[in-house]
Amino acid sequence: MKIERFEDIEAWQLARELARKVYRLTKKPEFAKDYGLMKRSRQPTVNREP
């Protein structure tokens, strides 16, 4: 498989999917009660929302 864009890299694709899952989970009401936990959970993923 030829990589022409960074989006073609499998590791990047997996990281994006992980980031999406983290954002989905942290939108749940359980996380809304603890803003600090939500923020810390999102920081290691990516710099912008998926």
PDB file of N, CA and C in Angstrom:
ATOM      1  N   MET A   1       0.835  -1.183   0.000  1.00  0.00           N
ATOM      2  CA  MET A   1       0.000   0.000   0.000  1.00  0.00           C
ATOM      3  C   MET A   1       0.882   1.248   0.000  1.00  0.00           C
ATOM      4  N   LYS A   2       0.644   2.104  -0.933  1.00  0.00           N
ATOM      5  CA  LYS A   2       1.416   3.333  -1.040  1.00  0.00           C
ATOM      6  C   LYS A   2       0.790   4.404  -0.144  1.00  0.00           C
ATOM      7  N   ILE A   3       1.633   5.072   0.603  1.00  0.00           N
ATOM      8  CA  ILE A   3       1.162   6.143   1.484  1.00  0.00           C
ATOM      9  C   ILE A   3       1.380   7.469   0.781  1.00  0.00           C
ATOM     10  N   GLU A   4       0.280   8.116   0.468  1.00  0.00           N
ATOM     11  CA  GLU A   4       0.348   9.408  -0.204  1.00  0.00           C
ATOM     12  C   GLU A   4      -0.017  10.561   0.727  1.00  0.00           C
ATOM     13  N   ARG A   5      -0.775  10.252   1.756  1.00  0.00           N
ATOM     14  CA  ARG A   5      -1.193  11.265   2.729  1.00  0.00           C
ATOM     15  C   ARG A   5      -1.030  10.672   4.121  1.00  0.00           C
ATOM     16  N   PHE A   6      -0.906  11.528   5.119  1.00  0.00           N
ATOM     17  CA  PHE A   6      -0.748  10.992   6.467  1.00  0.00           C
ATOM     18  C   PHE A   6      -1.992  10.222   6.905  1.00  0.00           C
ATOM     19  N   GLU A   7      -3.145  10.539   6.316  1.00  0.00           N
ATOM     20  CA  GLU A   7      -4.377   9.825   6.642  1.00  0.00           C
ATOM     21  C   GLU A   7      -4.335   8.366   6.182  1.00  0.00           C
ATOM     22  N   ASP A   8      -3.413   8.032   5.304  1.00  0.00           N
ATOM     23  CA  ASP A   8      -3.267   6.664   4.814  1.00  0.00           C
ATOM     24  C   ASP A   8      -2.530   5.765   5.805  1.00  0.00           C
ATOM     25  N   ILE A   9      -1.879   6.341   6.785  1.00  0.00           N
ATOM     26  CA  ILE A   9      -1.106   5.563   7.756  1.00  0.00           C
ATOM     27  C   ILE A   9      -2.071   4.890   8.732  1.00  0.00           C
ATOM     28  N   GLU A  10      -1.956   3.586   8.858  1.00  0.00           N
ATOM     29  CA  GLU A  10      -2.884   2.831   9.705  1.00  0.00           C
ATOM     30  C   GLU A  10      -2.847   3.302  11.159  1.00  0.00           C
ATOM     31  N   ALA A  11      -1.672   3.601  11.679  1.00  0.00           N
ATOM     32  CA  ALA A  11      -1.569   4.071  13.065  1.00  0.00           C
ATOM     33  C   ALA A  11      -2.346   5.369  13.256  1.00  0.00           C
ATOM     34  N   TRP A  12      -2.306   6.253  12.278  1.00  0.00           N
ATOM     35  CA  TRP A  12      -3.063   7.507  12.362  1.00  0.00           C
ATOM     36  C   TRP A  12      -4.558   7.215  12.377  1.00  0.00           C
ATOM     37  N   GLN A  13      -4.998   6.295  11.536  1.00  0.00           N
ATOM     38  CA  GLN A  13      -6.420   5.936  11.475  1.00  0.00           C
ATOM     39  C   GLN A  13      -6.897   5.355  12.805  1.00  0.00           C
ATOM     40  N   LEU A  14      -6.083   4.492  13.398  1.00  0.00           N
ATOM     41  CA  LEU A  14      -6.439   3.896  14.683  1.00  0.00           C
ATOM     42  C   LEU A  14      -6.474   4.946  15.788  1.00  0.00           C
ATOM     43  N   ALA A  15      -5.535   5.871  15.758  1.00  0.00           N
ATOM     44  CA  ALA A  15      -5.514   6.944  16.756  1.00  0.00           C
ATOM     45  C   ALA A  15      -6.748   7.824  16.639  1.00  0.00           C
ATOM     46  N   ARG A  16      -7.174   8.114  15.427  1.00  0.00           N
ATOM     47  CA  ARG A  16      -8.386   8.922  15.223  1.00  0.00           C
ATOM     48  C   ARG A  16      -9.616   8.204  15.763  1.00  0.00           C
ATOM     49  N   GLU A  17      -9.691   6.902  15.518  1.00  0.00           N
ATOM     50  CA  GLU A  17     -10.832   6.133  16.022  1.00  0.00           C
ATOM     51  C   GLU A  17     -10.831   6.118  17.550  1.00  0.00           C
ATOM     52  N   LEU A  18      -9.664   5.962  18.148  1.00  0.00           N
ATOM     53  CA  LEU A  18      -9.562   6.007  19.605  1.00  0.00           C
ATOM     54  C   LEU A  18     -10.010   7.369  20.132  1.00  0.00           C
ATOM     55  N   ALA A  19      -9.578   8.429  19.481  1.00  0.00           N
ATOM     56  CA  ALA A  19      -9.974   9.776  19.893  1.00  0.00           C
ATOM     57  C   ALA A  19     -11.489   9.941  19.814  1.00  0.00           C
ATOM     58  N   ARG A  20     -12.093   9.432  18.768  1.00  0.00           N
ATOM     59  CA  ARG A  20     -13.561   9.509  18.631  1.00  0.00           C
ATOM     60  C   ARG A  20     -14.254   8.783  19.783  1.00  0.00           C
ATOM     61  N   LYS A  21     -13.738   7.614  20.136  1.00  0.00           N
ATOM     62  CA  LYS A  21     -14.327   6.847  21.235  1.00  0.00           C
ATOM     63  C   LYS A  21     -14.188   7.584  22.560  1.00  0.00           C
ATOM     64  N   VAL A  22     -13.028   8.177  22.794  1.00  0.00           N
ATOM     65  CA  VAL A  22     -12.816   8.931  24.032  1.00  0.00           C
ATOM     66  C   VAL A  22     -13.787  10.101  24.109  1.00  0.00           C
ATOM     67  N   TYR A  23     -13.939  10.843  23.028  1.00  0.00           N
ATOM     68  CA  TYR A  23     -14.870  11.974  23.027  1.00  0.00           C
ATOM     69  C   TYR A  23     -16.305  11.510  23.230  1.00  0.00           C
ATOM     70  N   ARG A  24     -16.688  10.396  22.605  1.00  0.00           N
ATOM     71  CA  ARG A  24     -18.052   9.870  22.797  1.00  0.00           C
ATOM     72  C   ARG A  24     -18.284   9.506  24.260  1.00  0.00           C
ATOM     73  N   LEU A  25     -17.317   8.830  24.858  1.00  0.00           N
ATOM     74  CA  LEU A  25     -17.455   8.425  26.258  1.00  0.00           C
ATOM     75  C   LEU A  25     -17.492   9.622  27.198  1.00  0.00           C
ATOM     76  N   THR A  26     -16.661  10.622  26.929  1.00  0.00           N
ATOM     77  CA  THR A  26     -16.594  11.765  27.838  1.00  0.00           C
ATOM     78  C   THR A  26     -17.758  12.733  27.663  1.00  0.00           C
ATOM     79  N   LYS A  27     -18.610  12.510  26.681  1.00  0.00           N
ATOM     80  CA  LYS A  27     -19.821  13.322  26.538  1.00  0.00           C
ATOM     81  C   LYS A  27     -20.959  12.787  27.403  1.00  0.00           C
ATOM     82  N   LYS A  28     -20.774  11.613  27.980  1.00  0.00           N
ATOM     83  CA  LYS A  28     -21.819  11.011  28.807  1.00  0.00           C
ATOM     84  C   LYS A  28     -21.971  11.799  30.107  1.00  0.00           C
ATOM     85  N   PRO A  29     -23.161  11.753  30.699  1.00  0.00           N
ATOM     86  CA  PRO A  29     -23.434  12.523  31.925  1.00  0.00           C
ATOM     87  C   PRO A  29     -22.469  12.231  33.074  1.00  0.00           C
ATOM     88  N   GLU A  30     -21.965  11.011  33.158  1.00  0.00           N
ATOM     89  CA  GLU A  30     -21.039  10.670  34.239  1.00  0.00           C
ATOM     90  C   GLU A  30     -19.794  11.558  34.207  1.00  0.00           C
ATOM     91  N   PHE A  31     -19.343  11.899  33.028  1.00  0.00           N
ATOM     92  CA  PHE A  31     -18.168  12.749  32.895  1.00  0.00           C
ATOM     93  C   PHE A  31     -18.518  14.220  33.062  1.00  0.00           C
ATOM     94  N   ALA A  32     -19.745  14.585  32.751  1.00  0.00           N
ATOM     95  CA  ALA A  32     -20.159  15.984  32.871  1.00  0.00           C
ATOM     96  C   ALA A  32     -20.071  16.455  34.320  1.00  0.00           C
ATOM     97  N   LYS A  33     -20.208  15.539  35.258  1.00  0.00           N
ATOM     98  CA  LYS A  33     -20.142  15.880  36.678  1.00  0.00           C
ATOM     99  C   LYS A  33     -18.724  16.250  37.107  1.00  0.00           C
ATOM    100  N   ASP A  34     -17.740  15.748  36.401  1.00  0.00           N
ATOM    101  CA  ASP A  34     -16.339  15.978  36.773  1.00  0.00           C
ATOM    102  C   ASP A  34     -15.581  16.531  35.567  1.00  0.00           C
ATOM    103  N   TYR A  35     -15.613  17.847  35.420  1.00  0.00           N
ATOM    104  CA  TYR A  35     -14.981  18.493  34.266  1.00  0.00           C
ATOM    105  C   TYR A  35     -13.486  18.183  34.197  1.00  0.00           C
ATOM    106  N   GLY A  36     -12.826  18.166  35.331  1.00  0.00           N
ATOM    107  CA  GLY A  36     -11.389  17.895  35.352  1.00  0.00           C
ATOM    108  C   GLY A  36     -11.053  16.520  34.797  1.00  0.00           C
ATOM    109  N   LEU A  37     -11.832  15.522  35.186  1.00  0.00           N
ATOM    110  CA  LEU A  37     -11.613  14.165  34.678  1.00  0.00           C
ATOM    111  C   LEU A  37     -11.866  14.116  33.180  1.00  0.00           C
ATOM    112  N   MET A  38     -12.925  14.775  32.736  1.00  0.00           N
ATOM    113  CA  MET A  38     -13.230  14.803  31.307  1.00  0.00           C
ATOM    114  C   MET A  38     -12.079  15.448  30.534  1.00  0.00           C
ATOM    115  N   LYS A  39     -11.608  16.565  31.038  1.00  0.00           N
ATOM    116  CA  LYS A  39     -10.529  17.279  30.353  1.00  0.00           C
ATOM    117  C   LYS A  39      -9.257  16.430  30.297  1.00  0.00           C
ATOM    118  N   ARG A  40      -8.908  15.811  31.425  1.00  0.00           N
ATOM    119  CA  ARG A  40      -7.702  14.973  31.459  1.00  0.00           C
ATOM    120  C   ARG A  40      -7.838  13.762  30.544  1.00  0.00           C
ATOM    121  N   SER A  41      -9.041  13.238  30.403  1.00  0.00           N
ATOM    122  CA  SER A  41      -9.260  12.075  29.543  1.00  0.00           C
ATOM    123  C   SER A  41      -9.088  12.430  28.080  1.00  0.00           C
ATOM    124  N   ARG A  42      -9.448  13.654  27.735  1.00  0.00           N
ATOM    125  CA  ARG A  42      -9.371  14.069  26.335  1.00  0.00           C
ATOM    126  C   ARG A  42      -7.978  14.546  25.927  1.00  0.00           C
ATOM    127  N   GLN A  43      -7.209  15.088  26.824  1.00  0.00           N
ATOM    128  CA  GLN A  43      -5.916  15.676  26.470  1.00  0.00           C
ATOM    129  C   GLN A  43      -4.974  14.729  25.739  1.00  0.00           C
ATOM    130  N   PRO A  44      -4.836  13.484  26.162  1.00  0.00           N
ATOM    131  CA  PRO A  44      -3.874  12.610  25.471  1.00  0.00           C
ATOM    132  C   PRO A  44      -4.286  12.179  24.071  1.00  0.00           C
ATOM    133  N   THR A  45      -5.517  12.457  23.662  1.00  0.00           N
ATOM    134  CA  THR A  45      -5.960  11.975  22.356  1.00  0.00           C
ATOM    135  C   THR A  45      -5.433  12.859  21.241  1.00  0.00           C
ATOM    136  N   VAL A  46      -6.186  13.849  20.849  1.00  0.00           N
ATOM    137  CA  VAL A  46      -5.773  14.766  19.792  1.00  0.00           C
ATOM    138  C   VAL A  46      -6.117  16.176  20.205  1.00  0.00           C
ATOM    139  N   ASN A  47      -5.621  17.146  19.470  1.00  0.00           N
ATOM    140  CA  ASN A  47      -5.827  18.538  19.826  1.00  0.00           C
ATOM    141  C   ASN A  47      -7.175  19.098  19.404  1.00  0.00           C
ATOM    142  N   ARG A  48      -7.878  18.395  18.543  1.00  0.00           N
ATOM    143  CA  ARG A  48      -9.184  18.895  18.134  1.00  0.00           C
ATOM    144  C   ARG A  48     -10.180  17.755  18.117  1.00  0.00           C
ATOM    145  N   GLU A  49     -11.438  18.100  18.216  1.00  0.00           N
ATOM    146  CA  GLU A  49     -12.482  17.079  18.238  1.00  0.00           C
ATOM    147  C   GLU A  49     -12.592  16.399  16.887  1.00  0.00           C
ATOM    148  N   PRO A  50     -12.876  15.092  16.922  1.00  0.00           N
ATOM    149  CA  PRO A  50     -13.059  14.350  15.669  1.00  0.00           C
ATOM    150  C   PRO A  50     -14.357  14.707  14.980  1.00  0.00           C
TER     151      PRO A  50
END
